[in-house]
C-alpha atoms as a PDB file:
ATOM      1  CA  MET A   1      71.986  34.321 165.213  1.00  0.00           C
ATOM      2  CA  SER A   2      71.774  34.993 168.460  1.00  0.00           C
ATOM      3  CA  GLU A   3      74.084  37.679 170.328  1.00  0.00           C
ATOM      4  CA  ASP A   4      75.723  34.270 172.615  1.00  0.00           C
ATOM      5  CA  GLU A   5      76.161  32.657 169.406  1.00  0.00           C
ATOM      6  CA  ALA A   6      78.235  35.237 167.423  1.00  0.00           C
ATOM      7  CA  LYS A   7      80.165  35.274 170.766  1.00  0.00           C
ATOM      8  CA  SER A   8      80.887  31.362 170.120  1.00  0.00           C
ATOM      9  CA  VAL A   9      82.012  31.463 166.912  1.00  0.00           C
ATOM     10  CA  PRO A  10      85.836  32.216 166.479  1.00  0.00           C
ATOM     11  CA  PRO A  11      86.758  35.359 164.607  1.00  0.00           C
ATOM     12  CA  THR A  12      88.070  34.722 160.950  1.00  0.00           C
ATOM     13  CA  ARG A  13      91.788  35.762 160.119  1.00  0.00           C
ATOM     14  CA  GLU A  14      89.684  38.392 158.098  1.00  0.00           C
ATOM     15  CA  GLN A  15      88.048  39.845 160.635  1.00  0.00           C
ATOM     16  CA  ILE A  16      91.067  40.222 162.718  1.00  0.00           C
ATOM     17  CA  LEU A  17      92.496  41.855 159.965  1.00  0.00           C
ATOM     18  CA  VAL A  18      89.409  44.069 159.952  1.00  0.00           C
ATOM     19  CA  ALA A  19      89.866  45.201 163.156  1.00  0.00           C
ATOM     20  CA  LEU A  20      93.660  45.694 162.768  1.00  0.00           C
ATOM     21  CA  HIS A  21      93.182  48.024 159.364  1.00  0.00           C
ATOM     22  CA  THR A  22      92.219  51.014 162.667  1.00  0.00           C
ATOM     23  CA  VAL A  23      95.557  51.069 164.083  1.00  0.00           C
ATOM     24  CA  ARG A  24      97.767  53.632 162.824  1.00  0.00           C
ATOM     25  CA  ASP A  25     101.383  53.979 162.638  1.00  0.00           C
ATOM     26  CA  PRO A  26     101.172  58.196 163.654  1.00  0.00           C
ATOM     27  CA  GLU A  27     104.300  58.705 162.171  1.00  0.00           C
ATOM     28  CA  VAL A  28     104.103  57.532 158.316  1.00  0.00           C
ATOM     29  CA  GLY A  29      99.960  57.978 158.704  1.00  0.00           C
ATOM     30  CA  PHE A  30      98.808  54.231 157.135  1.00  0.00           C
ATOM     31  CA  ASP A  31      97.627  51.444 159.232  1.00  0.00           C
ATOM     32  CA  VAL A  32      99.676  48.504 160.490  1.00  0.00           C
ATOM     33  CA  VAL A  33      98.227  45.609 157.190  1.00  0.00           C
ATOM     34  CA  ASP A  34      98.774  48.203 154.760  1.00  0.00           C
ATOM     35  CA  LEU A  35     102.369  49.091 155.920  1.00  0.00           C
ATOM     36  CA  GLY A  36     102.933  45.079 156.346  1.00  0.00           C
ATOM     37  CA  LEU A  37     103.702  45.037 159.895  1.00  0.00           C
ATOM     38  CA  ILE A  38     101.559  41.864 160.669  1.00  0.00           C
ATOM     39  CA  TYR A  39     103.460  38.639 160.270  1.00  0.00           C
ATOM     40  CA  GLY A  40     101.360  36.161 161.196  1.00  0.00           C
ATOM     41  CA  ILE A  41      97.770  35.666 162.953  1.00  0.00           C
ATOM     42  CA  GLU A  42      97.072  32.179 165.289  1.00  0.00           C
ATOM     43  CA  ILE A  43      93.554  31.864 166.428  1.00  0.00           C
ATOM     44  CA  ALA A  44      93.201  29.258 169.268  1.00  0.00           C
ATOM     45  CA  GLU A  45      90.701  26.508 168.273  1.00  0.00           C
ATOM     46  CA  ASP A  46      87.697  28.421 170.506  1.00  0.00           C
ATOM     47  CA  GLY A  47      88.864  31.783 169.241  1.00  0.00           C
ATOM     48  CA  THR A  48      89.062  32.873 172.117  1.00  0.00           C
ATOM     49  CA  ASN A  49      92.562  33.744 172.052  1.00  0.00           C
ATOM     50  CA  ILE A  50      94.290  35.205 169.132  1.00  0.00           C
ATOM     51  CA  LYS A  51      98.427  35.338 169.045  1.00  0.00           C
ATOM     52  CA  ILE A  52      99.354  38.364 166.833  1.00  0.00           C
ATOM     53  CA  LYS A  53     103.034  38.499 165.424  1.00  0.00           C
ATOM     54  CA  MET A  54     103.960  42.003 163.975  1.00  0.00           C
ATOM     55  CA  THR A  55     106.883  44.217 164.077  1.00  0.00           C
ATOM     56  CA  LEU A  56     107.083  48.492 163.799  1.00  0.00           C
ATOM     57  CA  THR A  57     108.857  50.048 161.225  1.00  0.00           C
ATOM     58  CA  THR A  58     112.048  50.331 163.367  1.00  0.00           C
ATOM     59  CA  PRO A  59     112.657  49.230 166.883  1.00  0.00           C
ATOM     60  CA  TYR A  60     113.235  53.322 168.042  1.00  0.00           C
ATOM     61  CA  CYS A  61     109.636  53.945 167.017  1.00  0.00           C
ATOM     62  CA  PRO A  62     108.181  56.114 169.747  1.00  0.00           C
ATOM     63  CA  TYR A  63     104.648  55.357 169.014  1.00  0.00           C
ATOM     64  CA  GLY A  64     105.964  51.336 169.431  1.00  0.00           C
ATOM     65  CA  GLN A  65     104.114  50.652 172.485  1.00  0.00           C
ATOM     66  CA  GLN A  66     100.639  52.565 171.535  1.00  0.00           C
ATOM     67  CA  MET A  67     100.641  50.544 168.267  1.00  0.00           C
ATOM     68  CA  VAL A  68     101.174  47.249 170.268  1.00  0.00           C
ATOM     69  CA  ASP A  69      98.033  48.627 172.957  1.00  0.00           C
ATOM     70  CA  SER A  70      95.749  49.595 169.852  1.00  0.00           C
ATOM     71  CA  ALA A  71      96.186  46.578 167.903  1.00  0.00           C
ATOM     72  CA  ARG A  72      95.411  44.283 171.327  1.00  0.00           C
ATOM     73  CA  THR A  73      92.049  46.393 171.718  1.00  0.00           C
ATOM     74  CA  ALA A  74      91.587  46.519 168.383  1.00  0.00           C
ATOM     75  CA  VAL A  75      91.320  42.792 168.210  1.00  0.00           C
ATOM     76  CA  GLY A  76      90.137  42.390 171.641  1.00  0.00           C
ATOM     77  CA  ALA A  77      86.684  44.088 171.153  1.00  0.00           C
ATOM     78  CA  LEU A  78      86.322  41.218 168.187  1.00  0.00           C
ATOM     79  CA  PRO A  79      83.242  39.127 169.910  1.00  0.00           C
ATOM     80  CA  GLY A  80      84.103  36.373 171.925  1.00  0.00           C
ATOM     81  CA  VAL A  81      87.957  37.299 172.120  1.00  0.00           C
ATOM     82  CA  LYS A  82      89.694  36.924 175.344  1.00  0.00           C
ATOM     83  CA  ALA A  83      92.774  37.037 175.284  1.00  0.00           C
ATOM     84  CA  VAL A  84      95.572  38.832 172.680  1.00  0.00           C
ATOM     85  CA  ASP A  85      99.151  38.208 172.902  1.00  0.00           C
ATOM     86  CA  ILE A  86     101.116  40.882 170.544  1.00  0.00           C
ATOM     87  CA  ASP A  87     104.595  38.846 169.578  1.00  0.00           C
ATOM     88  CA  LEU A  88     107.018  42.107 168.693  1.00  0.00           C
ATOM     89  CA  VAL A  89     109.465  40.547 166.725  1.00  0.00           C
ATOM     90  CA  TRP A  90     112.324  42.134 164.441  1.00  0.00           C
ATOM     91  CA  GLU A  91     113.019  39.769 162.162  1.00  0.00           C
ATOM     92  CA  PRO A  92     112.802  40.007 159.274  1.00  0.00           C
ATOM     93  CA  ALA A  93     113.386  43.510 159.177  1.00  0.00           C
ATOM     94  CA  TRP A  94     110.760  45.680 157.873  1.00  0.00           C
ATOM     95  CA  ASP A  95     110.870  46.373 154.387  1.00  0.00           C
ATOM     96  CA  PRO A  96     108.180  49.172 153.014  1.00  0.00           C
ATOM     97  CA  ARG A  97     109.480  48.254 149.209  1.00  0.00           C
ATOM     98  CA  THR A  98     108.446  44.347 149.824  1.00  0.00           C
ATOM     99  CA  MET A  99     106.249  44.330 152.160  1.00  0.00           C
ATOM    100  CA  ALA A 100     103.738  47.141 152.229  1.00  0.00           C
ATOM    101  CA  SER A 101     100.980  47.733 149.928  1.00  0.00           C
ATOM    102  CA  ASP A 102     100.714  48.871 146.460  1.00  0.00           C
ATOM    103  CA  ALA A 103      99.218  52.031 148.177  1.00  0.00           C
ATOM    104  CA  VAL A 104     101.862  52.786 150.486  1.00  0.00           C
ATOM    105  CA  LYS A 105     104.478  52.216 148.379  1.00  0.00           C
ATOM    106  CA  ASP A 106     102.617  54.418 145.744  1.00  0.00           C
ATOM    107  CA  THR A 107     101.879  56.891 148.444  1.00  0.00           C
ATOM    108  CA  LEU A 108     106.004  56.800 149.676  1.00  0.00           C
ATOM    109  CA  GLY A 109     107.114  56.695 145.826  1.00  0.00           C
ATOM    110  CA  LEU A 110     108.474  53.305 146.575  1.00  0.00           C
ATOM    111  CA  TRP A 111     108.337  52.261 143.140  1.00  0.00           C
END
């Protein structure tokens, strides 16, 4: 597959999640996927526009804008992606006991 052909193939949800695994919350040291901060991913039919619904550990997170910008940059670097819209939401409220990965729960002692 040529580079141009690769750019025309829309990214998959899995590829987007892999990119988002690189975005860490500096306060807790885990990535936004394992923390359960990603609530939804919408991929335009042509794959050029991605919409991500995400939250933060708290509305007062001092690194919130940095994390949103990092998520936009990480997903925007995928081949063929032209625009990434991050919809920052607060409902449902983030709860690590039900939303975080088992590894995060284990490290934070949430069992």
